[in-house]
Amino acid sequence: MLEDSLVLSRSRSRRMGPLDLGIVGVDDGAFDTSRGDRRAILLAVLLRCSRICGVKVGTIEVDGNDAPIILRELLRSIRFDLVMLSGISFGGFNLIDVSELAHDLHKPVIAISGEKPNNRSVRAALRGHFDDWENRWRIVRSAGKIYSCKPLTSEPRVYFEVKGANSNFAKRVIAATALISRLPEPVRVARILARGLSPYTASINA
């Protein structure tokens, strides 16, 4: 049962501390549709005690619908306690349903953003560009309430949505893993690796 799994996860986090948990950070790579890019990197990195313990890389369709499937494939062979997403939108508007993901994995899922999500603008963009905008909008809405916290006093707040655990649990994990910047290490490392592996980024830095 999902509830039993989450109780175990929260109990374990109290016993071991957030940094001892196996946390998967997920982010996408850079892409440029004007250059003909139709796919983007989706990367999952496992951190435990702030150490990288594994990296999985796949590709997703830009503005497609395959991000949830690809992410599940990346997570299949990883042992972890929770997932941190860099938002819910990857490769443009390739959306991941955090509620569905938490239910399927029986693990907490936290979606992190450096800026407060503007759902009104997101809805307008979806409606103007996608025939299936209503389903995509349903995914955005299902992420639920937007919370915020300030893991580092010298930096701005971060915003998050959480499923499979309560907001206090998420705040503890975010605060404990924001070691270098306000972005938690799993997300920050995933972003660095994904951007570094992106062909578009490589061509810019060449």
C-alpha atoms as a PDB file:
ATOM      1  CA  MET A   1       0.000   0.000   0.000  1.00  0.00           C
ATOM      2  CA  LEU A   2       1.192   3.511  -0.792  1.00  0.00           C
ATOM      3  CA  GLU A   3       0.362   4.739   2.713  1.00  0.00           C
ATOM      4  CA  ASP A   4       2.456   2.012   4.328  1.00  0.00           C
ATOM      5  CA  SER A   5       5.405   2.805   2.078  1.00  0.00           C
ATOM      6  CA  LEU A   6       5.232   6.502   2.870  1.00  0.00           C
ATOM      7  CA  VAL A   7       5.013   5.886   6.610  1.00  0.00           C
ATOM      8  CA  LEU A   8       8.138   3.733   6.333  1.00  0.00           C
ATOM      9  CA  SER A   9       9.887   6.416   4.295  1.00  0.00           C
ATOM     10  CA  ARG A  10       9.062   9.152   6.791  1.00  0.00           C
ATOM     11  CA  SER A  11      10.049   6.935   9.728  1.00  0.00           C
ATOM     12  CA  ARG A  12      13.328   6.113   8.048  1.00  0.00           C
ATOM     13  CA  SER A  13      14.017   9.779   7.340  1.00  0.00           C
ATOM     14  CA  ARG A  14      13.529  10.631  11.025  1.00  0.00           C
ATOM     15  CA  ARG A  15      15.912   7.853  12.016  1.00  0.00           C
ATOM     16  CA  MET A  16      18.600   8.469   9.399  1.00  0.00           C
ATOM     17  CA  GLY A  17      18.199  12.126   8.407  1.00  0.00           C
ATOM     18  CA  PRO A  18      17.349  13.487   4.954  1.00  0.00           C
ATOM     19  CA  LEU A  19      20.943  13.397   3.709  1.00  0.00           C
ATOM     20  CA  ASP A  20      21.094   9.643   4.281  1.00  0.00           C
ATOM     21  CA  LEU A  21      18.152   9.027   1.989  1.00  0.00           C
ATOM     22  CA  GLY A  22      18.593   7.900  -1.599  1.00  0.00           C
ATOM     23  CA  ILE A  23      17.268  10.890  -3.539  1.00  0.00           C
ATOM     24  CA  VAL A  24      16.870  10.926  -7.304  1.00  0.00           C
ATOM     25  CA  GLY A  25      17.159  14.336  -8.959  1.00  0.00           C
ATOM     26  CA  VAL A  26      15.613  14.771 -12.407  1.00  0.00           C
ATOM     27  CA  ASP A  27      16.147  17.499 -15.002  1.00  0.00           C
ATOM     28  CA  ASP A  28      16.218  17.929 -18.759  1.00  0.00           C
ATOM     29  CA  GLY A  29      18.942  19.066 -21.114  1.00  0.00           C
ATOM     30  CA  ALA A  30      19.104  22.084 -23.382  1.00  0.00           C
ATOM     31  CA  PHE A  31      17.456  22.015 -26.808  1.00  0.00           C
ATOM     32  CA  ASP A  32      16.804  24.446 -29.646  1.00  0.00           C
ATOM     33  CA  THR A  33      13.823  23.832 -31.907  1.00  0.00           C
ATOM     34  CA  SER A  34      15.081  26.500 -34.326  1.00  0.00           C
ATOM     35  CA  ARG A  35      18.047  24.206 -34.995  1.00  0.00           C
ATOM     36  CA  GLY A  36      15.722  21.278 -35.620  1.00  0.00           C
ATOM     37  CA  ASP A  37      15.934  19.700 -32.174  1.00  0.00           C
ATOM     38  CA  ARG A  38      13.004  17.341 -31.654  1.00  0.00           C
ATOM     39  CA  ARG A  39      14.282  15.495 -28.635  1.00  0.00           C
ATOM     40  CA  ALA A  40      15.865  16.512 -25.341  1.00  0.00           C
ATOM     41  CA  ILE A  41      17.856  14.681 -22.690  1.00  0.00           C
ATOM     42  CA  LEU A  42      16.069  13.543 -19.533  1.00  0.00           C
ATOM     43  CA  LEU A  43      18.532  12.686 -16.768  1.00  0.00           C
ATOM     44  CA  ALA A  44      18.077  11.047 -13.385  1.00  0.00           C
ATOM     45  CA  VAL A  45      20.924  11.105 -10.856  1.00  0.00           C
ATOM     46  CA  LEU A  46      20.921   9.245  -7.541  1.00  0.00           C
ATOM     47  CA  LEU A  47      22.533  11.014  -4.587  1.00  0.00           C
ATOM     48  CA  ARG A  48      23.079   9.487  -1.181  1.00  0.00           C
ATOM     49  CA  CYS A  49      24.921  11.397   1.553  1.00  0.00           C
ATOM     50  CA  SER A  50      25.643  14.051  -1.110  1.00  0.00           C
ATOM     51  CA  ARG A  51      27.529  11.517  -3.232  1.00  0.00           C
ATOM     52  CA  ILE A  52      26.586  10.558  -6.769  1.00  0.00           C
ATOM     53  CA  CYS A  53      25.684   6.874  -6.735  1.00  0.00           C
ATOM     54  CA  GLY A  54      24.235   6.477 -10.207  1.00  0.00           C
ATOM     55  CA  VAL A  55      23.209   8.304 -13.372  1.00  0.00           C
ATOM     56  CA  LYS A  56      20.593   7.309 -15.938  1.00  0.00           C
ATOM     57  CA  VAL A  57      20.032   9.148 -19.211  1.00  0.00           C
ATOM     58  CA  GLY A  58      17.231   8.965 -21.760  1.00  0.00           C
ATOM     59  CA  THR A  59      15.671  11.230 -24.360  1.00  0.00           C
ATOM     60  CA  ILE A  60      12.159  12.646 -24.599  1.00  0.00           C
ATOM     61  CA  GLU A  61      10.182  14.294 -27.376  1.00  0.00           C
ATOM     62  CA  VAL A  62      10.130  18.089 -27.197  1.00  0.00           C
ATOM     63  CA  ASP A  63       6.569  19.130 -26.245  1.00  0.00           C
ATOM     64  CA  GLY A  64       5.591  15.459 -26.355  1.00  0.00           C
ATOM     65  CA  ASN A  65       3.918  13.148 -23.850  1.00  0.00           C
ATOM     66  CA  ASP A  66       6.579  10.514 -23.208  1.00  0.00           C
ATOM     67  CA  ALA A  67       8.410  12.013 -20.208  1.00  0.00           C
ATOM     68  CA  PRO A  68       6.486   9.901 -17.638  1.00  0.00           C
ATOM     69  CA  ILE A  69       7.264   6.686 -19.532  1.00  0.00           C
ATOM     70  CA  ILE A  70      10.947   7.500 -20.027  1.00  0.00           C
ATOM     71  CA  LEU A  71      11.369   8.542 -16.386  1.00  0.00           C
ATOM     72  CA  ARG A  72       9.870   5.274 -15.148  1.00  0.00           C
ATOM     73  CA  GLU A  73      12.330   3.396 -17.353  1.00  0.00           C
ATOM     74  CA  LEU A  74      15.226   5.379 -15.901  1.00  0.00           C
ATOM     75  CA  LEU A  75      14.076   4.674 -12.347  1.00  0.00           C
ATOM     76  CA  ARG A  76      13.423   0.980 -12.885  1.00  0.00           C
ATOM     77  CA  SER A  77      16.852  -0.280 -11.814  1.00  0.00           C
ATOM     78  CA  ILE A  78      17.555   2.354  -9.132  1.00  0.00           C
ATOM     79  CA  ARG A  79      16.965   1.844  -5.408  1.00  0.00           C
ATOM     80  CA  PHE A  80      15.870   5.140  -3.899  1.00  0.00           C
ATOM     81  CA  ASP A  81      13.674   6.746  -1.233  1.00  0.00           C
ATOM     82  CA  LEU A  82      12.236   9.784  -3.005  1.00  0.00           C
ATOM     83  CA  VAL A  83      12.305  11.743  -6.260  1.00  0.00           C
ATOM     84  CA  MET A  84      13.025  15.442  -6.766  1.00  0.00           C
ATOM     85  CA  LEU A  85      11.893  16.886 -10.084  1.00  0.00           C
ATOM     86  CA  SER A  86      13.035  20.187 -11.527  1.00  0.00           C
ATOM     87  CA  GLY A  87       9.434  21.319 -11.933  1.00  0.00           C
ATOM     88  CA  ILE A  88       6.864  19.204 -13.739  1.00  0.00           C
ATOM     89  CA  SER A  89       7.592  20.270 -17.331  1.00  0.00           C
ATOM     90  CA  PHE A  90      10.505  18.821 -19.321  1.00  0.00           C
ATOM     91  CA  GLY A  91      11.551  19.263 -22.919  1.00  0.00           C
ATOM     92  CA  GLY A  92       9.200  22.201 -23.268  1.00  0.00           C
ATOM     93  CA  PHE A  93       5.731  21.083 -22.210  1.00  0.00           C
ATOM     94  CA  ASN A  94       6.358  17.355 -21.816  1.00  0.00           C
ATOM     95  CA  LEU A  95       4.621  17.062 -18.447  1.00  0.00           C
ATOM     96  CA  ILE A  96       5.001  14.625 -15.563  1.00  0.00           C
ATOM     97  CA  ASP A  97       2.006  14.027 -13.300  1.00  0.00           C
ATOM     98  CA  VAL A  98       3.569  14.135  -9.825  1.00  0.00           C
ATOM     99  CA  SER A  99       0.488  12.678  -8.163  1.00  0.00           C
ATOM    100  CA  GLU A 100       0.418   9.703 -10.507  1.00  0.00           C
ATOM    101  CA  LEU A 101       4.184   9.232 -10.232  1.00  0.00           C
ATOM    102  CA  ALA A 102       4.092   9.162  -6.415  1.00  0.00           C
ATOM    103  CA  HIS A 103       1.229   6.674  -6.495  1.00  0.00           C
ATOM    104  CA  ASP A 104       2.953   4.372  -8.991  1.00  0.00           C
ATOM    105  CA  LEU A 105       6.351   4.475  -7.263  1.00  0.00           C
ATOM    106  CA  HIS A 106       5.007   4.342  -3.705  1.00  0.00           C
ATOM    107  CA  LYS A 107       7.586   7.052  -2.981  1.00  0.00           C
ATOM    108  CA  PRO A 108       7.349  10.781  -2.191  1.00  0.00           C
ATOM    109  CA  VAL A 109       7.824  13.108  -5.170  1.00  0.00           C
ATOM    110  CA  ILE A 110       8.841  16.770  -4.795  1.00  0.00           C
ATOM    111  CA  ALA A 111       8.764  19.172  -7.750  1.00  0.00           C
ATOM    112  CA  ILE A 112      11.139  22.119  -7.203  1.00  0.00           C
ATOM    113  CA  SER A 113      11.099  25.513  -8.929  1.00  0.00           C
ATOM    114  CA  GLY A 114      13.252  28.582  -8.465  1.00  0.00           C
ATOM    115  CA  GLU A 115      10.354  30.811  -9.516  1.00  0.00           C
ATOM    116  CA  LYS A 116       6.749  30.658  -8.383  1.00  0.00           C
ATOM    117  CA  PRO A 117       4.797  28.798 -11.073  1.00  0.00           C
ATOM    118  CA  ASN A 118       2.369  31.075 -12.928  1.00  0.00           C
ATOM    119  CA  ASN A 119      -0.408  28.636 -13.697  1.00  0.00           C
ATOM    120  CA  ARG A 120      -2.519  31.267 -15.435  1.00  0.00           C
ATOM    121  CA  SER A 121       0.231  31.841 -18.005  1.00  0.00           C
ATOM    122  CA  VAL A 122       0.826  28.110 -18.308  1.00  0.00           C
ATOM    123  CA  ARG A 123      -2.848  27.495 -19.033  1.00  0.00           C
ATOM    124  CA  ALA A 124      -2.865  30.207 -21.718  1.00  0.00           C
ATOM    125  CA  ALA A 125       0.250  28.744 -23.353  1.00  0.00           C
ATOM    126  CA  LEU A 126      -1.159  25.231 -23.327  1.00  0.00           C
ATOM    127  CA  ARG A 127      -4.486  26.357 -24.732  1.00  0.00           C
ATOM    128  CA  GLY A 128      -2.798  28.297 -27.508  1.00  0.00           C
ATOM    129  CA  HIS A 129      -0.415  25.572 -28.675  1.00  0.00           C
ATOM    130  CA  PHE A 130      -1.834  22.108 -28.000  1.00  0.00           C
ATOM    131  CA  ASP A 131      -4.934  20.283 -29.162  1.00  0.00           C
ATOM    132  CA  ASP A 132      -4.781  18.178 -25.982  1.00  0.00           C
ATOM    133  CA  TRP A 133      -4.313  21.229 -23.764  1.00  0.00           C
ATOM    134  CA  GLU A 134      -7.107  20.196 -21.391  1.00  0.00           C
ATOM    135  CA  ASN A 135      -5.318  16.974 -20.465  1.00  0.00           C
ATOM    136  CA  ARG A 136      -2.021  18.803 -20.050  1.00  0.00           C
ATOM    137  CA  TRP A 137      -3.742  21.404 -17.893  1.00  0.00           C
ATOM    138  CA  ARG A 138      -5.217  18.603 -15.772  1.00  0.00           C
ATOM    139  CA  ILE A 139      -1.669  17.384 -15.097  1.00  0.00           C
ATOM    140  CA  VAL A 140      -0.594  20.870 -14.022  1.00  0.00           C
ATOM    141  CA  ARG A 141      -3.595  21.227 -11.719  1.00  0.00           C
ATOM    142  CA  SER A 142      -3.110  17.770 -10.213  1.00  0.00           C
ATOM    143  CA  ALA A 143       0.273  18.838  -8.838  1.00  0.00           C
ATOM    144  CA  GLY A 144      -1.724  20.564  -6.114  1.00  0.00           C
ATOM    145  CA  LYS A 145      -0.834  23.367  -3.751  1.00  0.00           C
ATOM    146  CA  ILE A 146       2.333  25.393  -4.318  1.00  0.00           C
ATOM    147  CA  TYR A 147       4.444  25.734  -1.164  1.00  0.00           C
ATOM    148  CA  SER A 148       7.587  27.741  -0.581  1.00  0.00           C
ATOM    149  CA  CYS A 149      10.578  27.723   1.733  1.00  0.00           C
ATOM    150  CA  LYS A 150      13.880  29.541   2.143  1.00  0.00           C
ATOM    151  CA  PRO A 151      16.615  26.932   2.551  1.00  0.00           C
ATOM    152  CA  LEU A 152      19.389  29.554   2.523  1.00  0.00           C
ATOM    153  CA  THR A 153      18.895  32.881   4.270  1.00  0.00           C
ATOM    154  CA  SER A 154      21.105  34.681   1.739  1.00  0.00           C
ATOM    155  CA  GLU A 155      19.133  33.499  -1.311  1.00  0.00           C
ATOM    156  CA  PRO A 156      15.527  33.808  -2.530  1.00  0.00           C
ATOM    157  CA  ARG A 157      12.824  31.294  -1.729  1.00  0.00           C
ATOM    158  CA  VAL A 158      12.195  28.120  -3.681  1.00  0.00           C
ATOM    159  CA  TYR A 159       8.753  26.827  -4.561  1.00  0.00           C
ATOM    160  CA  PHE A 160       7.609  23.245  -4.559  1.00  0.00           C
ATOM    161  CA  GLU A 161       4.746  20.841  -4.936  1.00  0.00           C
ATOM    162  CA  VAL A 162       4.790  17.538  -3.106  1.00  0.00           C
ATOM    163  CA  LYS A 163       2.880  14.276  -3.354  1.00  0.00           C
ATOM    164  CA  GLY A 164       3.268  11.206  -1.191  1.00  0.00           C
ATOM    165  CA  ALA A 165       4.407  13.190   1.842  1.00  0.00           C
ATOM    166  CA  ASN A 166       3.442  16.361   3.683  1.00  0.00           C
ATOM    167  CA  SER A 167       4.927  19.806   3.127  1.00  0.00           C
ATOM    168  CA  ASN A 168       6.918  19.756   6.382  1.00  0.00           C
ATOM    169  CA  PHE A 169       8.694  16.579   5.307  1.00  0.00           C
ATOM    170  CA  ALA A 170       9.476  18.206   1.935  1.00  0.00           C
ATOM    171  CA  LYS A 171      10.807  21.365   3.601  1.00  0.00           C
ATOM    172  CA  ARG A 172      13.123  19.305   5.802  1.00  0.00           C
ATOM    173  CA  VAL A 173      14.528  17.466   2.804  1.00  0.00           C
ATOM    174  CA  ILE A 174      14.949  20.643   0.760  1.00  0.00           C
ATOM    175  CA  ALA A 175      16.686  22.464   3.621  1.00  0.00           C
ATOM    176  CA  ALA A 176      19.005  19.549   4.333  1.00  0.00           C
ATOM    177  CA  THR A 177      20.038  19.084   0.698  1.00  0.00           C
ATOM    178  CA  ALA A 178      20.446  22.756  -0.321  1.00  0.00           C
ATOM    179  CA  LEU A 179      24.162  22.727   0.419  1.00  0.00           C
ATOM    180  CA  ILE A 180      25.657  25.036  -2.212  1.00  0.00           C
ATOM    181  CA  SER A 181      22.700  27.015  -3.514  1.00  0.00           C
ATOM    182  CA  ARG A 182      18.986  27.261  -2.794  1.00  0.00           C
ATOM    183  CA  LEU A 183      18.445  24.389  -5.241  1.00  0.00           C
ATOM    184  CA  PRO A 184      18.715  20.994  -3.521  1.00  0.00           C
ATOM    185  CA  GLU A 185      21.788  19.056  -4.604  1.00  0.00           C
ATOM    186  CA  PRO A 186      19.894  16.277  -6.439  1.00  0.00           C
ATOM    187  CA  VAL A 187      18.225  18.823  -8.737  1.00  0.00           C
ATOM    188  CA  ARG A 188      21.312  21.032  -9.056  1.00  0.00           C
ATOM    189  CA  VAL A 189      23.541  18.105 -10.000  1.00  0.00           C
ATOM    190  CA  ALA A 190      20.946  16.705 -12.416  1.00  0.00           C
ATOM    191  CA  ARG A 191      20.779  20.113 -14.118  1.00  0.00           C
ATOM    192  CA  ILE A 192      24.553  20.396 -14.484  1.00  0.00           C
ATOM    193  CA  LEU A 193      24.886  16.880 -15.905  1.00  0.00           C
ATOM    194  CA  ALA A 194      21.915  17.188 -18.260  1.00  0.00           C
ATOM    195  CA  ARG A 195      23.093  20.526 -19.653  1.00  0.00           C
ATOM    196  CA  GLY A 196      26.638  19.212 -20.005  1.00  0.00           C
ATOM    197  CA  LEU A 197      25.496  16.191 -21.980  1.00  0.00           C
ATOM    198  CA  SER A 198      23.222  18.162 -24.305  1.00  0.00           C
ATOM    199  CA  PRO A 199      24.534  18.400 -27.891  1.00  0.00           C
ATOM    200  CA  TYR A 200      23.166  21.953 -28.151  1.00  0.00           C
ATOM    201  CA  THR A 201      25.059  23.044 -25.034  1.00  0.00           C
ATOM    202  CA  ALA A 202      28.210  21.331 -26.258  1.00  0.00           C
ATOM    203  CA  SER A 203      28.083  23.188 -29.574  1.00  0.00           C
ATOM    204  CA  ILE A 204      27.762  26.526 -27.756  1.00  0.00           C
ATOM    205  CA  ASN A 205      30.723  25.794 -25.487  1.00  0.00           C
ATOM    206  CA  ALA A 206      32.919  24.455 -28.281  1.00  0.00           C
END
